[in-house]
Amino acid sequence: MHELGVAHEILSLVQQHVPPADAWRVTAVRVRVGDLAGIVVSSLDFCFGAIVAGTPWERARLVVERVPAQAACLDCVTVFPTDAPGAGCPHCGSARVHMTAGRELHVDAVDLLDEADGASPPALADTAQEAVPV
């Protein structure tokens, strides 16, 4: 299951751009996944949830936008949806086609809570009480 490795890479990207002190503000990570990217979205979502659980980024959820596969004919310039990257152009029959979408895996955005809207970090005292048994 390579989705676990992909989930780790997504979290790593978020961690590079959001300091740990602001991790509590991350509510969503917006990802675009092509239909031909070889990613099982439900597995990716599960793996991401598992690796952020119990971390400062635990509020973060994946929001996945699926990108349908499409190709463009290099001869007649027709753009068409496809499920088979090697398929020819349905308009002119040319085999000279180029995939234009459907293989991508992009982290597009990270949604953050806005402190101006009254959001605040979890209280340290609450965290300490949960960690120390009585």
N, C-alpha and C. Protein backbone atom coordinates (compact mmCIF):
# COMPACT_ATOMS: atom_id res chain seq x y z
N MET A 1 0.85 -1.18 0.00
CA MET A 1 0.00 0.00 0.00
C MET A 1 0.90 1.24 0.00
N HIS A 2 1.12 1.80 -1.17
CA HIS A 2 1.97 2.99 -1.25
C HIS A 2 1.24 4.25 -0.80
N GLU A 3 -0.05 4.17 -0.55
CA GLU A 3 -0.80 5.33 -0.07
C GLU A 3 -0.27 5.82 1.29
N LEU A 4 0.26 4.90 2.10
CA LEU A 4 0.85 5.30 3.38
C LEU A 4 2.05 6.21 3.14
N GLY A 5 2.91 5.85 2.22
CA GLY A 5 4.06 6.69 1.88
C GLY A 5 3.63 8.03 1.31
N VAL A 6 2.59 8.02 0.48
CA VAL A 6 2.07 9.27 -0.09
C VAL A 6 1.50 10.15 1.02
N ALA A 7 0.78 9.55 1.96
CA ALA A 7 0.22 10.31 3.09
C ALA A 7 1.34 10.95 3.91
N HIS A 8 2.42 10.21 4.13
CA HIS A 8 3.57 10.77 4.86
C HIS A 8 4.17 11.95 4.10
N GLU A 9 4.27 11.83 2.79
CA GLU A 9 4.83 12.93 1.99
C GLU A 9 3.93 14.17 2.02
N ILE A 10 2.62 13.95 2.00
CA ILE A 10 1.68 15.08 2.08
C ILE A 10 1.84 15.78 3.43
N LEU A 11 1.90 15.00 4.51
CA LEU A 11 2.08 15.61 5.83
C LEU A 11 3.43 16.32 5.91
N SER A 12 4.45 15.75 5.32
CA SER A 12 5.77 16.39 5.31
C SER A 12 5.72 17.75 4.62
N LEU A 13 4.99 17.84 3.51
CA LEU A 13 4.84 19.13 2.83
C LEU A 13 4.13 20.14 3.72
N VAL A 14 3.08 19.70 4.39
CA VAL A 14 2.35 20.59 5.30
C VAL A 14 3.29 21.06 6.41
N GLN A 15 4.06 20.15 6.97
CA GLN A 15 4.97 20.49 8.06
C GLN A 15 6.05 21.47 7.62
N GLN A 16 6.44 21.43 6.36
CA GLN A 16 7.44 22.37 5.84
C GLN A 16 6.90 23.79 5.78
N HIS A 17 5.57 23.92 5.65
CA HIS A 17 4.98 25.24 5.45
C HIS A 17 4.18 25.75 6.65
N VAL A 18 3.89 24.88 7.58
CA VAL A 18 3.14 25.27 8.78
C VAL A 18 3.96 24.88 9.99
N PRO A 19 4.47 25.86 10.72
CA PRO A 19 5.28 25.53 11.90
C PRO A 19 4.46 24.76 12.94
N PRO A 20 5.14 23.91 13.72
CA PRO A 20 4.41 23.13 14.73
C PRO A 20 3.55 23.97 15.67
N ALA A 21 3.97 25.19 15.95
CA ALA A 21 3.17 26.05 16.84
C ALA A 21 1.82 26.41 16.23
N ASP A 22 1.72 26.36 14.91
CA ASP A 22 0.46 26.67 14.22
C ASP A 22 -0.26 25.43 13.71
N ALA A 23 0.26 24.26 14.02
CA ALA A 23 -0.32 23.02 13.50
C ALA A 23 -1.79 22.87 13.89
N TRP A 24 -2.17 23.34 15.06
CA TRP A 24 -3.55 23.23 15.53
C TRP A 24 -4.52 23.97 14.61
N ARG A 25 -4.01 24.93 13.81
CA ARG A 25 -4.86 25.72 12.91
C ARG A 25 -5.20 25.00 11.62
N VAL A 26 -4.47 23.93 11.30
CA VAL A 26 -4.70 23.23 10.03
C VAL A 26 -5.98 22.40 10.13
N THR A 27 -6.94 22.73 9.28
CA THR A 27 -8.21 21.99 9.28
C THR A 27 -8.35 21.08 8.07
N ALA A 28 -7.73 21.47 6.96
CA ALA A 28 -7.86 20.67 5.74
C ALA A 28 -6.61 20.80 4.89
N VAL A 29 -6.30 19.72 4.21
CA VAL A 29 -5.25 19.72 3.20
C VAL A 29 -5.93 19.34 1.90
N ARG A 30 -5.91 20.27 0.95
CA ARG A 30 -6.61 20.08 -0.33
C ARG A 30 -5.65 19.48 -1.35
N VAL A 31 -6.05 18.32 -1.87
CA VAL A 31 -5.20 17.54 -2.75
C VAL A 31 -5.96 17.22 -4.04
N ARG A 32 -5.27 17.32 -5.17
CA ARG A 32 -5.83 16.91 -6.47
C ARG A 32 -5.18 15.59 -6.86
N VAL A 33 -6.02 14.59 -7.15
CA VAL A 33 -5.54 13.26 -7.49
C VAL A 33 -6.14 12.85 -8.84
N GLY A 34 -5.27 12.57 -9.79
CA GLY A 34 -5.71 12.13 -11.10
C GLY A 34 -6.24 10.71 -11.07
N ASP A 35 -7.22 10.43 -11.92
CA ASP A 35 -7.81 9.09 -11.97
C ASP A 35 -6.80 8.03 -12.40
N LEU A 36 -5.73 8.42 -13.09
CA LEU A 36 -4.72 7.47 -13.52
C LEU A 36 -3.44 7.54 -12.68
N ALA A 37 -3.52 8.19 -11.51
CA ALA A 37 -2.34 8.36 -10.66
C ALA A 37 -2.00 7.10 -9.87
N GLY A 38 -2.87 6.13 -9.89
CA GLY A 38 -2.61 4.89 -9.16
C GLY A 38 -2.82 5.01 -7.66
N ILE A 39 -3.66 5.95 -7.26
CA ILE A 39 -3.94 6.19 -5.84
C ILE A 39 -5.36 5.75 -5.52
N VAL A 40 -5.51 4.94 -4.47
CA VAL A 40 -6.83 4.59 -3.96
C VAL A 40 -7.17 5.65 -2.92
N VAL A 41 -8.09 6.54 -3.28
CA VAL A 41 -8.37 7.72 -2.45
C VAL A 41 -8.84 7.33 -1.05
N SER A 42 -9.66 6.32 -0.93
CA SER A 42 -10.14 5.93 0.40
C SER A 42 -8.97 5.44 1.27
N SER A 43 -8.01 4.74 0.68
CA SER A 43 -6.84 4.29 1.42
C SER A 43 -5.95 5.47 1.81
N LEU A 44 -5.78 6.41 0.90
CA LEU A 44 -4.99 7.61 1.20
C LEU A 44 -5.62 8.39 2.35
N ASP A 45 -6.91 8.55 2.32
CA ASP A 45 -7.62 9.26 3.38
C ASP A 45 -7.45 8.55 4.72
N PHE A 46 -7.60 7.23 4.72
CA PHE A 46 -7.43 6.45 5.94
C PHE A 46 -6.01 6.60 6.48
N CYS A 47 -5.02 6.45 5.61
CA CYS A 47 -3.61 6.54 6.03
C CYS A 47 -3.28 7.92 6.58
N PHE A 48 -3.78 8.96 5.92
CA PHE A 48 -3.51 10.32 6.39
C PHE A 48 -4.11 10.51 7.78
N GLY A 49 -5.35 10.07 7.97
CA GLY A 49 -5.99 10.18 9.28
C GLY A 49 -5.21 9.44 10.36
N ALA A 50 -4.66 8.28 9.99
CA ALA A 50 -3.90 7.48 10.96
C ALA A 50 -2.59 8.16 11.34
N ILE A 51 -1.90 8.78 10.40
CA ILE A 51 -0.60 9.37 10.74
C ILE A 51 -0.71 10.71 11.44
N VAL A 52 -1.84 11.42 11.29
CA VAL A 52 -1.98 12.68 12.01
C VAL A 52 -2.61 12.50 13.39
N ALA A 53 -3.21 11.36 13.64
CA ALA A 53 -3.86 11.10 14.93
C ALA A 53 -2.83 11.22 16.06
N GLY A 54 -3.20 11.98 17.09
CA GLY A 54 -2.33 12.14 18.25
C GLY A 54 -1.16 13.09 18.02
N THR A 55 -1.15 13.80 16.90
CA THR A 55 -0.08 14.77 16.62
C THR A 55 -0.67 16.17 16.64
N PRO A 56 0.19 17.19 16.60
CA PRO A 56 -0.34 18.56 16.54
C PRO A 56 -1.20 18.82 15.30
N TRP A 57 -1.08 17.98 14.27
CA TRP A 57 -1.83 18.16 13.02
C TRP A 57 -3.10 17.31 12.99
N GLU A 58 -3.57 16.83 14.14
CA GLU A 58 -4.68 15.87 14.15
C GLU A 58 -6.01 16.46 13.67
N ARG A 59 -6.17 17.77 13.64
CA ARG A 59 -7.41 18.36 13.11
C ARG A 59 -7.47 18.27 11.58
N ALA A 60 -6.32 18.11 10.96
CA ALA A 60 -6.24 18.15 9.50
C ALA A 60 -6.97 16.96 8.86
N ARG A 61 -7.75 17.26 7.86
CA ARG A 61 -8.43 16.24 7.07
C ARG A 61 -8.07 16.45 5.61
N LEU A 62 -8.02 15.37 4.86
CA LEU A 62 -7.78 15.49 3.43
C LEU A 62 -9.08 15.85 2.73
N VAL A 63 -8.99 16.76 1.80
CA VAL A 63 -10.09 17.08 0.91
C VAL A 63 -9.56 16.79 -0.49
N VAL A 64 -10.09 15.74 -1.10
CA VAL A 64 -9.55 15.26 -2.37
C VAL A 64 -10.45 15.67 -3.53
N GLU A 65 -9.84 16.29 -4.51
CA GLU A 65 -10.52 16.59 -5.76
C GLU A 65 -10.01 15.58 -6.79
N ARG A 66 -10.92 14.80 -7.35
CA ARG A 66 -10.55 13.83 -8.39
C ARG A 66 -10.40 14.57 -9.71
N VAL A 67 -9.37 14.21 -10.47
CA VAL A 67 -9.12 14.82 -11.77
C VAL A 67 -9.29 13.74 -12.83
N PRO A 68 -10.32 13.88 -13.68
CA PRO A 68 -10.53 12.88 -14.72
C PRO A 68 -9.39 12.90 -15.74
N ALA A 69 -9.11 11.73 -16.30
CA ALA A 69 -8.06 11.63 -17.32
C ALA A 69 -8.56 12.23 -18.62
N GLN A 70 -7.68 13.00 -19.26
CA GLN A 70 -7.99 13.52 -20.58
C GLN A 70 -6.72 13.61 -21.40
N ALA A 71 -6.91 13.59 -22.69
CA ALA A 71 -5.79 13.66 -23.62
C ALA A 71 -6.10 14.67 -24.71
N ALA A 72 -5.06 15.08 -25.42
CA ALA A 72 -5.21 15.99 -26.55
C ALA A 72 -4.54 15.36 -27.76
N CYS A 73 -5.21 15.45 -28.89
CA CYS A 73 -4.66 14.95 -30.13
C CYS A 73 -3.66 15.97 -30.67
N LEU A 74 -2.48 15.50 -31.03
CA LEU A 74 -1.45 16.40 -31.55
C LEU A 74 -1.68 16.71 -33.03
N ASP A 75 -2.61 16.01 -33.68
CA ASP A 75 -2.89 16.27 -35.09
C ASP A 75 -4.10 17.18 -35.28
N CYS A 76 -5.23 16.82 -34.68
CA CYS A 76 -6.45 17.63 -34.90
C CYS A 76 -6.79 18.53 -33.72
N VAL A 77 -6.01 18.48 -32.64
CA VAL A 77 -6.14 19.32 -31.45
C VAL A 77 -7.42 19.05 -30.65
N THR A 78 -8.04 17.92 -30.88
CA THR A 78 -9.21 17.55 -30.09
C THR A 78 -8.76 17.16 -28.68
N VAL A 79 -9.46 17.67 -27.67
CA VAL A 79 -9.23 17.28 -26.28
C VAL A 79 -10.38 16.35 -25.91
N PHE A 80 -10.03 15.19 -25.31
CA PHE A 80 -11.05 14.19 -25.04
C PHE A 80 -10.76 13.44 -23.75
N PRO A 81 -11.84 13.00 -23.07
CA PRO A 81 -11.65 12.16 -21.88
C PRO A 81 -11.19 10.78 -22.30
N THR A 82 -10.40 10.15 -21.45
CA THR A 82 -9.93 8.81 -21.77
C THR A 82 -9.65 8.03 -20.49
N ASP A 83 -9.81 6.73 -20.58
CA ASP A 83 -9.42 5.84 -19.48
C ASP A 83 -8.19 5.03 -19.86
N ALA A 84 -7.80 5.13 -21.12
CA ALA A 84 -6.66 4.37 -21.63
C ALA A 84 -5.64 5.34 -22.23
N PRO A 85 -4.52 5.57 -21.54
CA PRO A 85 -3.54 6.53 -22.03
C PRO A 85 -3.02 6.26 -23.44
N GLY A 86 -3.03 5.03 -23.90
CA GLY A 86 -2.52 4.71 -25.23
C GLY A 86 -3.57 4.74 -26.32
N ALA A 87 -4.81 5.08 -25.98
CA ALA A 87 -5.88 5.08 -26.96
C ALA A 87 -5.69 6.23 -27.95
N GLY A 88 -6.12 6.01 -29.17
CA GLY A 88 -6.03 7.04 -30.20
C GLY A 88 -7.13 8.07 -30.08
N CYS A 89 -7.03 9.07 -30.92
CA CYS A 89 -8.00 10.16 -30.94
C CYS A 89 -9.35 9.64 -31.46
N PRO A 90 -10.43 9.89 -30.72
CA PRO A 90 -11.74 9.42 -31.18
C PRO A 90 -12.27 10.26 -32.35
N HIS A 91 -11.68 11.42 -32.58
CA HIS A 91 -12.16 12.29 -33.66
C HIS A 91 -11.51 11.95 -35.00
N CYS A 92 -10.16 11.86 -35.02
CA CYS A 92 -9.47 11.62 -36.29
C CYS A 92 -8.76 10.27 -36.36
N GLY A 93 -8.68 9.55 -35.24
CA GLY A 93 -8.05 8.24 -35.23
C GLY A 93 -6.53 8.27 -35.06
N SER A 94 -5.94 9.45 -34.95
CA SER A 94 -4.49 9.57 -34.80
C SER A 94 -4.02 8.91 -33.51
N ALA A 95 -2.85 8.30 -33.58
CA ALA A 95 -2.23 7.72 -32.38
C ALA A 95 -1.34 8.74 -31.69
N ARG A 96 -1.20 9.92 -32.27
CA ARG A 96 -0.35 10.97 -31.69
C ARG A 96 -1.18 11.78 -30.68
N VAL A 97 -1.26 11.25 -29.48
CA VAL A 97 -2.01 11.92 -28.42
C VAL A 97 -1.10 12.16 -27.22
N HIS A 98 -1.46 13.16 -26.45
CA HIS A 98 -0.68 13.53 -25.27
C HIS A 98 -1.63 13.62 -24.09
N MET A 99 -1.30 12.94 -23.00
CA MET A 99 -2.11 13.03 -21.78
C MET A 99 -1.98 14.43 -21.20
N THR A 100 -3.11 15.08 -20.96
CA THR A 100 -3.08 16.44 -20.41
C THR A 100 -3.56 16.49 -18.96
N ALA A 101 -4.21 15.46 -18.50
CA ALA A 101 -4.69 15.42 -17.10
C ALA A 101 -4.98 13.99 -16.71
N GLY A 102 -4.92 13.74 -15.42
CA GLY A 102 -5.30 12.43 -14.90
C GLY A 102 -4.20 11.67 -14.20
N ARG A 103 -2.97 12.15 -14.31
CA ARG A 103 -1.86 11.47 -13.64
C ARG A 103 -1.32 12.26 -12.45
N GLU A 104 -1.87 13.41 -12.20
CA GLU A 104 -1.31 14.31 -11.18
C GLU A 104 -1.65 13.89 -9.76
N LEU A 105 -0.80 14.36 -8.87
CA LEU A 105 -1.01 14.26 -7.43
C LEU A 105 -0.40 15.54 -6.87
N HIS A 106 -1.26 16.51 -6.54
CA HIS A 106 -0.81 17.83 -6.10
C HIS A 106 -1.45 18.20 -4.77
N VAL A 107 -0.65 18.77 -3.90
CA VAL A 107 -1.20 19.42 -2.72
C VAL A 107 -1.45 20.87 -3.15
N ASP A 108 -2.72 21.24 -3.22
CA ASP A 108 -3.08 22.56 -3.72
C ASP A 108 -3.14 23.63 -2.64
N ALA A 109 -3.61 23.27 -1.45
CA ALA A 109 -3.80 24.28 -0.42
C ALA A 109 -3.90 23.63 0.95
N VAL A 110 -3.66 24.45 1.95
CA VAL A 110 -3.84 24.05 3.34
C VAL A 110 -4.78 25.07 3.96
N ASP A 111 -5.90 24.61 4.48
CA ASP A 111 -6.87 25.49 5.13
C ASP A 111 -6.49 25.66 6.59
N LEU A 112 -6.48 26.91 7.05
CA LEU A 112 -6.13 27.22 8.43
C LEU A 112 -7.27 27.95 9.13
N LEU A 113 -7.44 27.66 10.41
CA LEU A 113 -8.36 28.45 11.22
C LEU A 113 -7.78 29.85 11.34
N ASP A 114 -8.65 30.83 11.34
CA ASP A 114 -8.21 32.22 11.44
C ASP A 114 -8.35 32.69 12.88
N GLU A 115 -7.25 33.10 13.47
CA GLU A 115 -7.29 33.58 14.86
C GLU A 115 -8.19 34.80 15.00
N ALA A 116 -8.37 35.56 13.93
CA ALA A 116 -9.24 36.74 13.98
C ALA A 116 -10.69 36.34 14.19
N ASP A 117 -11.05 35.11 13.85
CA ASP A 117 -12.42 34.62 14.03
C ASP A 117 -12.64 34.00 15.40
N GLY A 118 -11.67 34.17 16.29
CA GLY A 118 -11.83 33.66 17.64
C GLY A 118 -11.25 32.29 17.88
N ALA A 119 -10.62 31.72 16.88
CA ALA A 119 -10.00 30.41 17.06
C ALA A 119 -8.78 30.57 17.96
N SER A 120 -8.56 29.61 18.81
CA SER A 120 -7.40 29.68 19.69
C SER A 120 -6.81 28.28 19.85
N PRO A 121 -5.52 28.25 20.18
CA PRO A 121 -4.87 26.94 20.33
C PRO A 121 -5.44 26.19 21.53
N PRO A 122 -5.31 24.87 21.52
CA PRO A 122 -5.76 24.11 22.69
C PRO A 122 -4.99 24.56 23.93
N ALA A 123 -5.65 24.57 25.06
CA ALA A 123 -5.01 25.00 26.30
C ALA A 123 -3.95 23.99 26.72
N LEU A 124 -2.79 24.49 27.10
CA LEU A 124 -1.72 23.61 27.54
C LEU A 124 -2.09 22.87 28.81
N ALA A 125 -2.81 23.52 29.68
CA ALA A 125 -3.20 22.87 30.94
C ALA A 125 -4.10 21.66 30.65
N ASP A 126 -5.01 21.80 29.67
CA ASP A 126 -5.88 20.68 29.32
C ASP A 126 -5.07 19.51 28.78
N THR A 127 -4.09 19.79 27.95
CA THR A 127 -3.24 18.76 27.37
C THR A 127 -2.46 18.05 28.47
N ALA A 128 -1.90 18.82 29.40
CA ALA A 128 -1.10 18.23 30.48
C ALA A 128 -1.96 17.35 31.36
N GLN A 129 -3.20 17.76 31.66
CA GLN A 129 -4.07 16.95 32.49
C GLN A 129 -4.40 15.63 31.82
N GLU A 130 -4.58 15.64 30.49
CA GLU A 130 -4.89 14.40 29.80
C GLU A 130 -3.70 13.45 29.78
N ALA A 131 -2.49 13.99 29.78
CA ALA A 131 -1.31 13.16 29.66
C ALA A 131 -0.86 12.56 31.00
N VAL A 132 -1.28 13.16 32.10
CA VAL A 132 -0.82 12.70 33.41
C VAL A 132 -1.97 11.99 34.11
N PRO A 133 -1.80 10.69 34.38
CA PRO A 133 -2.87 9.98 35.08
C PRO A 133 -2.98 10.47 36.54
N VAL A 134 -4.20 10.46 37.05
CA VAL A 134 -4.43 10.92 38.42
C VAL A 134 -4.49 9.75 39.35
